[in-house]
């Protein structure tokens, strides 16, 4: 009798690589899907949905991302302090001036699972404004986003 066994990756067996992504001139949503797939490890043959098998991603030039259409003026970012009447609203243009890392980080966060595993995978994303990053020691491979 033939029995087919499923492959389950153990977290200790996962090989994690470091990738360097240049966000210069890239559209936010398309870039975020590529990054989310790298963080989850969906491109690997050993992908297991309930195991952190993804890679580390370092993003540079986060301030040079691009939105299509009129999203710079129409897209809003909300935050609330928890007190009545304390809802704060920023447009994408204002958010780019104040904290450009947040735009890409928030887009990737929305594409990861809303579980403890998703929060753990988000910690493997490092976003930087400008060309400099502090992860030269890990020797990240350049990853070309289409």
N, C-alpha and C. Protein backbone atom coordinates (compact mmCIF):
# COMPACT_ATOMS: atom_id res chain seq x y z
N UNK A 1 0.84 -1.18 0.00
CA UNK A 1 0.00 0.00 0.00
C UNK A 1 0.88 1.24 0.00
N UNK A 2 0.55 2.21 -0.85
CA UNK A 2 1.33 3.45 -0.97
C UNK A 2 0.81 4.49 0.01
N UNK A 3 1.73 5.04 0.79
CA UNK A 3 1.37 6.08 1.74
C UNK A 3 2.17 7.34 1.39
N UNK A 4 1.48 8.42 1.15
CA UNK A 4 2.16 9.68 0.83
C UNK A 4 2.35 10.47 2.10
N UNK A 5 3.56 10.88 2.36
CA UNK A 5 3.86 11.63 3.58
C UNK A 5 4.03 13.11 3.24
N UNK A 6 3.52 13.94 4.09
CA UNK A 6 3.65 15.39 3.90
C UNK A 6 4.96 15.87 4.49
N UNK A 7 5.55 16.85 3.82
CA UNK A 7 6.77 17.44 4.33
C UNK A 7 6.42 18.60 5.25
N UNK A 8 6.99 18.60 6.43
CA UNK A 8 6.78 19.69 7.38
C UNK A 8 8.15 20.22 7.78
N UNK A 9 8.39 21.49 7.54
CA UNK A 9 9.67 22.11 7.86
C UNK A 9 9.74 22.45 9.34
N UNK A 10 10.82 22.06 9.98
CA UNK A 10 11.05 22.46 11.36
C UNK A 10 11.73 23.83 11.37
N UNK A 11 11.42 24.68 12.32
CA UNK A 11 12.04 26.03 12.34
C UNK A 11 13.56 25.99 12.41
N UNK A 12 14.13 24.98 13.02
CA UNK A 12 15.59 24.90 13.12
C UNK A 12 16.23 24.53 11.77
N UNK A 13 15.46 23.94 10.86
CA UNK A 13 16.00 23.53 9.56
C UNK A 13 15.88 24.62 8.50
N UNK A 14 15.20 25.70 8.80
CA UNK A 14 14.96 26.75 7.81
C UNK A 14 16.25 27.53 7.53
N UNK A 15 16.60 27.66 6.26
CA UNK A 15 17.76 28.46 5.86
C UNK A 15 17.28 29.87 5.55
N UNK A 16 17.83 30.83 6.25
CA UNK A 16 17.41 32.21 6.08
C UNK A 16 18.51 33.00 5.38
N UNK A 17 18.13 33.69 4.31
CA UNK A 17 19.05 34.53 3.56
C UNK A 17 18.71 35.99 3.83
N UNK A 18 19.61 36.86 3.42
CA UNK A 18 19.39 38.30 3.51
C UNK A 18 19.30 38.87 2.11
N UNK A 19 18.27 39.66 1.85
CA UNK A 19 18.08 40.30 0.55
C UNK A 19 18.08 41.81 0.71
N UNK A 20 18.64 42.49 -0.28
CA UNK A 20 18.66 43.95 -0.33
C UNK A 20 17.76 44.40 -1.47
N UNK A 21 16.76 45.22 -1.15
CA UNK A 21 15.79 45.70 -2.13
C UNK A 21 15.91 47.22 -2.22
N UNK A 22 16.05 47.73 -3.45
CA UNK A 22 16.08 49.17 -3.67
C UNK A 22 14.68 49.63 -4.07
N UNK A 23 14.08 50.52 -3.28
CA UNK A 23 12.71 50.95 -3.50
C UNK A 23 12.61 52.18 -4.40
N UNK A 24 13.70 52.60 -5.00
CA UNK A 24 13.73 53.81 -5.82
C UNK A 24 12.83 53.67 -7.04
N UNK A 25 11.75 54.47 -7.10
CA UNK A 25 10.86 54.49 -8.24
C UNK A 25 9.87 53.34 -8.31
N UNK A 26 9.79 52.50 -7.30
CA UNK A 26 8.89 51.35 -7.30
C UNK A 26 7.52 51.75 -6.74
N UNK A 27 6.47 51.10 -7.24
CA UNK A 27 5.13 51.31 -6.73
C UNK A 27 4.97 50.58 -5.41
N UNK A 28 4.34 51.24 -4.44
CA UNK A 28 4.29 50.72 -3.07
C UNK A 28 3.63 49.35 -2.99
N UNK A 29 2.46 49.17 -3.56
CA UNK A 29 1.75 47.91 -3.44
C UNK A 29 2.47 46.75 -4.09
N UNK A 30 3.01 46.96 -5.28
CA UNK A 30 3.71 45.89 -5.98
C UNK A 30 4.99 45.51 -5.26
N UNK A 31 5.68 46.51 -4.70
CA UNK A 31 6.88 46.24 -3.93
C UNK A 31 6.56 45.50 -2.64
N UNK A 32 5.46 45.89 -2.00
CA UNK A 32 5.08 45.28 -0.72
C UNK A 32 4.71 43.81 -0.89
N UNK A 33 4.08 43.44 -2.01
CA UNK A 33 3.74 42.02 -2.21
C UNK A 33 4.99 41.17 -2.39
N UNK A 34 5.97 41.69 -3.12
CA UNK A 34 7.24 40.95 -3.29
C UNK A 34 7.94 40.78 -1.95
N UNK A 35 7.96 41.84 -1.14
CA UNK A 35 8.63 41.78 0.16
C UNK A 35 7.90 40.81 1.09
N UNK A 36 6.57 40.86 1.09
CA UNK A 36 5.79 39.96 1.95
C UNK A 36 6.03 38.51 1.57
N UNK A 37 6.15 38.22 0.28
CA UNK A 37 6.43 36.84 -0.14
C UNK A 37 7.82 36.40 0.28
N UNK A 38 8.79 37.30 0.26
CA UNK A 38 10.14 36.96 0.74
C UNK A 38 10.13 36.71 2.25
N UNK A 39 9.41 37.54 3.00
CA UNK A 39 9.36 37.39 4.45
C UNK A 39 8.68 36.09 4.86
N UNK A 40 7.67 35.67 4.11
CA UNK A 40 6.96 34.44 4.42
C UNK A 40 7.67 33.21 3.89
N UNK A 41 8.51 33.37 2.86
CA UNK A 41 9.23 32.25 2.28
C UNK A 41 8.42 31.49 1.25
N UNK A 42 7.46 32.16 0.60
CA UNK A 42 6.56 31.48 -0.32
C UNK A 42 7.25 31.05 -1.62
N UNK A 43 8.39 31.61 -1.93
CA UNK A 43 9.10 31.21 -3.14
C UNK A 43 9.96 29.98 -2.96
N UNK A 44 10.06 29.48 -1.76
CA UNK A 44 10.92 28.32 -1.48
C UNK A 44 10.15 27.02 -1.64
N UNK A 45 10.87 25.97 -1.98
CA UNK A 45 10.25 24.66 -2.10
C UNK A 45 9.89 24.09 -0.73
N UNK A 46 10.53 24.59 0.31
CA UNK A 46 10.28 24.08 1.66
C UNK A 46 9.27 24.94 2.42
N UNK A 47 8.44 25.70 1.72
CA UNK A 47 7.47 26.58 2.36
C UNK A 47 6.46 25.78 3.17
N UNK A 48 6.30 26.18 4.41
CA UNK A 48 5.29 25.62 5.29
C UNK A 48 4.53 26.79 5.91
N UNK A 49 3.21 26.84 5.79
CA UNK A 49 2.47 28.03 6.22
C UNK A 49 2.58 28.35 7.71
N UNK A 50 2.76 27.34 8.56
CA UNK A 50 2.77 27.59 9.99
C UNK A 50 4.18 27.68 10.57
N UNK A 51 5.20 27.81 9.73
CA UNK A 51 6.58 27.90 10.19
C UNK A 51 7.23 29.15 9.60
N UNK A 52 8.05 29.78 10.38
CA UNK A 52 8.77 30.96 9.91
C UNK A 52 9.96 30.51 9.07
N UNK A 53 9.73 30.35 7.77
CA UNK A 53 10.78 29.87 6.88
C UNK A 53 11.26 30.96 5.92
N UNK A 54 10.82 32.20 6.14
CA UNK A 54 11.15 33.30 5.24
C UNK A 54 12.53 33.87 5.46
N UNK A 55 12.87 34.85 4.62
CA UNK A 55 14.18 35.47 4.64
C UNK A 55 14.11 36.87 5.24
N UNK A 56 15.28 37.43 5.49
CA UNK A 56 15.38 38.81 5.96
C UNK A 56 15.42 39.74 4.75
N UNK A 57 14.80 40.89 4.87
CA UNK A 57 14.75 41.84 3.77
C UNK A 57 15.18 43.22 4.28
N UNK A 58 16.16 43.82 3.59
CA UNK A 58 16.62 45.17 3.89
C UNK A 58 16.20 46.05 2.72
N UNK A 59 15.42 47.09 3.01
CA UNK A 59 14.92 47.99 1.97
C UNK A 59 15.62 49.33 2.13
N UNK A 60 16.19 49.84 1.03
CA UNK A 60 16.82 51.17 1.05
C UNK A 60 16.03 52.10 0.13
N UNK A 61 16.25 53.38 0.28
CA UNK A 61 15.58 54.44 -0.50
C UNK A 61 14.06 54.38 -0.33
N UNK A 62 13.60 54.23 0.91
CA UNK A 62 12.15 54.13 1.16
C UNK A 62 11.44 55.45 0.87
N UNK A 63 12.15 56.55 0.86
CA UNK A 63 11.52 57.85 0.60
C UNK A 63 11.26 58.09 -0.88
N UNK A 64 11.73 57.19 -1.74
CA UNK A 64 11.59 57.37 -3.19
C UNK A 64 10.55 56.44 -3.79
N UNK A 65 9.63 55.92 -2.96
CA UNK A 65 8.58 55.05 -3.48
C UNK A 65 7.55 55.87 -4.25
N UNK A 66 6.69 55.18 -4.97
CA UNK A 66 5.75 55.83 -5.87
C UNK A 66 4.35 55.27 -5.64
N UNK A 67 3.35 56.14 -5.69
CA UNK A 67 1.94 55.73 -5.67
C UNK A 67 1.36 56.01 -7.04
N UNK A 68 0.42 55.20 -7.49
CA UNK A 68 -0.24 55.46 -8.75
C UNK A 68 -1.48 56.32 -8.50
N UNK A 69 -1.88 57.04 -9.52
CA UNK A 69 -3.08 57.86 -9.42
C UNK A 69 -2.90 59.05 -8.49
N UNK A 70 -3.97 59.39 -7.78
CA UNK A 70 -3.95 60.55 -6.88
C UNK A 70 -3.80 60.14 -5.42
N UNK A 71 -3.14 58.99 -5.18
CA UNK A 71 -3.05 58.48 -3.81
C UNK A 71 -2.21 59.37 -2.90
N UNK A 72 -1.31 60.17 -3.42
CA UNK A 72 -0.52 61.05 -2.55
C UNK A 72 -1.42 62.01 -1.79
N UNK A 73 -2.53 62.42 -2.41
CA UNK A 73 -3.47 63.34 -1.74
C UNK A 73 -4.67 62.62 -1.16
N UNK A 74 -5.11 61.52 -1.77
CA UNK A 74 -6.34 60.85 -1.34
C UNK A 74 -6.13 59.80 -0.26
N UNK A 75 -4.99 59.12 -0.24
CA UNK A 75 -4.75 58.06 0.73
C UNK A 75 -4.51 58.65 2.11
N UNK A 76 -5.17 58.10 3.11
CA UNK A 76 -5.08 58.62 4.48
C UNK A 76 -4.51 57.55 5.41
N UNK A 77 -3.73 58.00 6.36
CA UNK A 77 -3.23 57.14 7.43
C UNK A 77 -3.82 57.64 8.73
N UNK A 78 -4.50 56.73 9.46
CA UNK A 78 -5.20 57.09 10.69
C UNK A 78 -4.47 56.51 11.89
N UNK A 79 -4.53 57.25 12.99
CA UNK A 79 -4.08 56.72 14.28
C UNK A 79 -4.93 57.35 15.37
N UNK A 80 -5.10 56.63 16.46
CA UNK A 80 -5.99 57.07 17.51
C UNK A 80 -5.32 56.85 18.85
N UNK A 81 -5.42 57.84 19.74
CA UNK A 81 -4.76 57.75 21.04
C UNK A 81 -5.56 56.92 22.03
N UNK A 82 -6.84 56.71 21.75
CA UNK A 82 -7.69 56.00 22.69
C UNK A 82 -8.62 56.92 23.44
N UNK A 83 -8.38 58.22 23.36
CA UNK A 83 -9.25 59.20 24.00
C UNK A 83 -10.27 59.72 22.99
N UNK A 84 -11.39 60.20 23.52
CA UNK A 84 -12.47 60.68 22.67
C UNK A 84 -12.00 61.90 21.87
N UNK A 85 -12.24 61.89 20.58
CA UNK A 85 -11.90 63.03 19.73
C UNK A 85 -10.44 63.14 19.37
N UNK A 86 -9.65 62.10 19.59
CA UNK A 86 -8.21 62.17 19.35
C UNK A 86 -7.78 61.42 18.09
N UNK A 87 -8.65 61.34 17.09
CA UNK A 87 -8.30 60.70 15.84
C UNK A 87 -7.39 61.61 15.03
N UNK A 88 -6.23 61.14 14.66
CA UNK A 88 -5.28 61.91 13.87
C UNK A 88 -5.24 61.35 12.46
N UNK A 89 -5.21 62.23 11.47
CA UNK A 89 -5.24 61.83 10.07
C UNK A 89 -4.09 62.50 9.34
N UNK A 90 -3.38 61.72 8.53
CA UNK A 90 -2.33 62.26 7.67
C UNK A 90 -2.52 61.73 6.26
N UNK A 91 -2.23 62.55 5.27
CA UNK A 91 -2.24 62.07 3.90
C UNK A 91 -0.92 61.36 3.64
N UNK A 92 -0.85 60.67 2.52
CA UNK A 92 0.38 59.95 2.17
C UNK A 92 1.54 60.92 1.96
N UNK A 93 1.25 62.09 1.44
CA UNK A 93 2.29 63.09 1.21
C UNK A 93 2.88 63.59 2.54
N UNK A 94 2.00 63.84 3.52
CA UNK A 94 2.47 64.27 4.85
C UNK A 94 3.24 63.15 5.54
N UNK A 95 2.78 61.92 5.37
CA UNK A 95 3.46 60.78 5.98
C UNK A 95 4.85 60.59 5.38
N UNK A 96 4.98 60.85 4.08
CA UNK A 96 6.28 60.73 3.42
C UNK A 96 7.26 61.75 3.97
N UNK A 97 6.79 62.95 4.29
CA UNK A 97 7.67 63.97 4.84
C UNK A 97 8.07 63.66 6.29
N UNK A 98 7.15 63.14 7.07
CA UNK A 98 7.42 62.90 8.49
C UNK A 98 8.14 61.58 8.75
N UNK A 99 7.61 60.49 8.16
CA UNK A 99 8.17 59.17 8.43
C UNK A 99 8.02 58.29 7.19
N UNK A 100 8.95 58.39 6.23
CA UNK A 100 8.79 57.63 4.98
C UNK A 100 8.90 56.12 5.16
N UNK A 101 9.54 55.64 6.20
CA UNK A 101 9.65 54.20 6.44
C UNK A 101 8.27 53.58 6.70
N UNK A 102 7.40 54.35 7.34
CA UNK A 102 6.11 53.85 7.78
C UNK A 102 5.22 53.43 6.60
N UNK A 103 5.32 54.14 5.48
CA UNK A 103 4.47 53.85 4.33
C UNK A 103 4.69 52.42 3.85
N UNK A 104 5.93 52.05 3.66
CA UNK A 104 6.25 50.71 3.18
C UNK A 104 6.04 49.65 4.27
N UNK A 105 6.39 49.98 5.50
CA UNK A 105 6.22 49.05 6.61
C UNK A 105 4.74 48.72 6.81
N UNK A 106 3.89 49.73 6.72
CA UNK A 106 2.45 49.54 6.90
C UNK A 106 1.85 48.71 5.76
N UNK A 107 2.33 48.94 4.54
CA UNK A 107 1.82 48.18 3.39
C UNK A 107 2.19 46.70 3.51
N UNK A 108 3.41 46.41 3.94
CA UNK A 108 3.84 45.02 4.09
C UNK A 108 3.11 44.37 5.26
N UNK A 109 2.92 45.12 6.33
CA UNK A 109 2.22 44.59 7.51
C UNK A 109 0.81 44.15 7.16
N UNK A 110 0.15 44.89 6.28
CA UNK A 110 -1.21 44.53 5.88
C UNK A 110 -1.27 43.28 5.03
N UNK A 111 -0.14 42.87 4.45
CA UNK A 111 -0.11 41.68 3.58
C UNK A 111 0.38 40.43 4.30
N UNK A 112 0.76 40.57 5.56
CA UNK A 112 1.19 39.41 6.34
C UNK A 112 0.02 38.91 7.19
N UNK A 113 0.08 37.66 7.66
CA UNK A 113 -1.01 37.15 8.50
C UNK A 113 -1.12 37.94 9.81
N UNK A 114 -2.34 38.07 10.28
CA UNK A 114 -2.60 38.82 11.52
C UNK A 114 -2.50 37.87 12.72
N UNK A 115 -1.35 37.23 12.88
CA UNK A 115 -1.13 36.28 13.96
C UNK A 115 0.23 36.57 14.59
N UNK A 116 0.59 35.78 15.57
CA UNK A 116 1.90 35.96 16.19
C UNK A 116 3.01 35.64 15.19
N UNK A 117 2.75 34.70 14.28
CA UNK A 117 3.74 34.37 13.25
C UNK A 117 3.94 35.56 12.30
N UNK A 118 2.86 36.23 11.94
CA UNK A 118 2.96 37.40 11.07
C UNK A 118 3.73 38.53 11.72
N UNK A 119 3.52 38.73 13.01
CA UNK A 119 4.27 39.77 13.73
C UNK A 119 5.75 39.42 13.83
N UNK A 120 6.04 38.13 13.97
CA UNK A 120 7.44 37.69 14.02
C UNK A 120 8.10 37.88 12.66
N UNK A 121 7.36 37.61 11.58
CA UNK A 121 7.90 37.77 10.24
C UNK A 121 8.14 39.24 9.92
N UNK A 122 7.33 40.13 10.45
CA UNK A 122 7.50 41.57 10.20
C UNK A 122 8.79 42.10 10.83
N UNK A 123 9.26 41.47 11.89
CA UNK A 123 10.50 41.92 12.52
C UNK A 123 11.72 41.65 11.64
N UNK A 124 11.57 40.80 10.61
CA UNK A 124 12.68 40.51 9.70
C UNK A 124 12.79 41.54 8.58
N UNK A 125 11.90 42.53 8.57
CA UNK A 125 11.93 43.60 7.58
C UNK A 125 12.64 44.80 8.16
N UNK A 126 13.68 45.28 7.48
CA UNK A 126 14.44 46.45 7.90
C UNK A 126 14.31 47.52 6.80
N UNK A 127 13.70 48.65 7.12
CA UNK A 127 13.46 49.70 6.13
C UNK A 127 14.31 50.91 6.48
N UNK A 128 15.00 51.48 5.46
CA UNK A 128 15.89 52.62 5.67
C UNK A 128 15.62 53.69 4.62
N UNK A 129 15.73 54.94 5.03
CA UNK A 129 15.71 56.04 4.06
C UNK A 129 17.14 56.29 3.63
N UNK A 130 17.34 56.54 2.37
CA UNK A 130 18.69 56.75 1.85
C UNK A 130 19.35 55.45 1.47
N UNK A 131 20.61 55.57 1.02
CA UNK A 131 21.36 54.41 0.53
C UNK A 131 22.05 53.63 1.63
N UNK A 132 22.21 54.20 2.80
CA UNK A 132 22.97 53.56 3.89
C UNK A 132 22.08 52.64 4.70
N UNK A 133 22.64 51.49 5.08
CA UNK A 133 21.98 50.58 6.00
C UNK A 133 23.05 49.93 6.86
N UNK A 134 22.66 49.45 8.02
CA UNK A 134 23.63 48.90 8.96
C UNK A 134 23.78 47.39 8.90
N UNK A 135 23.51 46.78 7.75
CA UNK A 135 23.53 45.32 7.67
C UNK A 135 24.52 44.82 6.62
N UNK A 136 25.64 45.51 6.46
CA UNK A 136 26.66 45.06 5.52
C UNK A 136 27.30 43.75 5.98
N UNK A 137 27.34 43.52 7.29
CA UNK A 137 27.98 42.32 7.82
C UNK A 137 27.23 41.05 7.43
N UNK A 138 25.93 41.16 7.17
CA UNK A 138 25.15 39.99 6.77
C UNK A 138 25.29 39.66 5.28
N UNK A 139 25.95 40.54 4.53
CA UNK A 139 26.17 40.37 3.08
C UNK A 139 24.86 40.08 2.35
N UNK A 140 23.93 41.04 2.34
CA UNK A 140 22.65 40.78 1.66
C UNK A 140 22.81 40.73 0.15
N UNK A 141 22.08 39.82 -0.48
CA UNK A 141 22.08 39.70 -1.94
C UNK A 141 21.09 40.71 -2.51
N UNK A 142 21.45 41.31 -3.62
CA UNK A 142 20.57 42.29 -4.26
C UNK A 142 19.41 41.53 -4.90
N UNK A 143 18.19 41.96 -4.58
CA UNK A 143 16.98 41.33 -5.12
C UNK A 143 16.31 42.34 -6.04
N UNK A 144 16.13 41.95 -7.30
CA UNK A 144 15.50 42.84 -8.28
C UNK A 144 13.99 42.63 -8.28
N UNK A 145 13.26 43.70 -8.01
CA UNK A 145 11.80 43.66 -8.06
C UNK A 145 11.38 44.07 -9.45
N UNK A 146 10.49 43.32 -10.04
CA UNK A 146 10.06 43.59 -11.42
C UNK A 146 9.17 44.80 -11.50
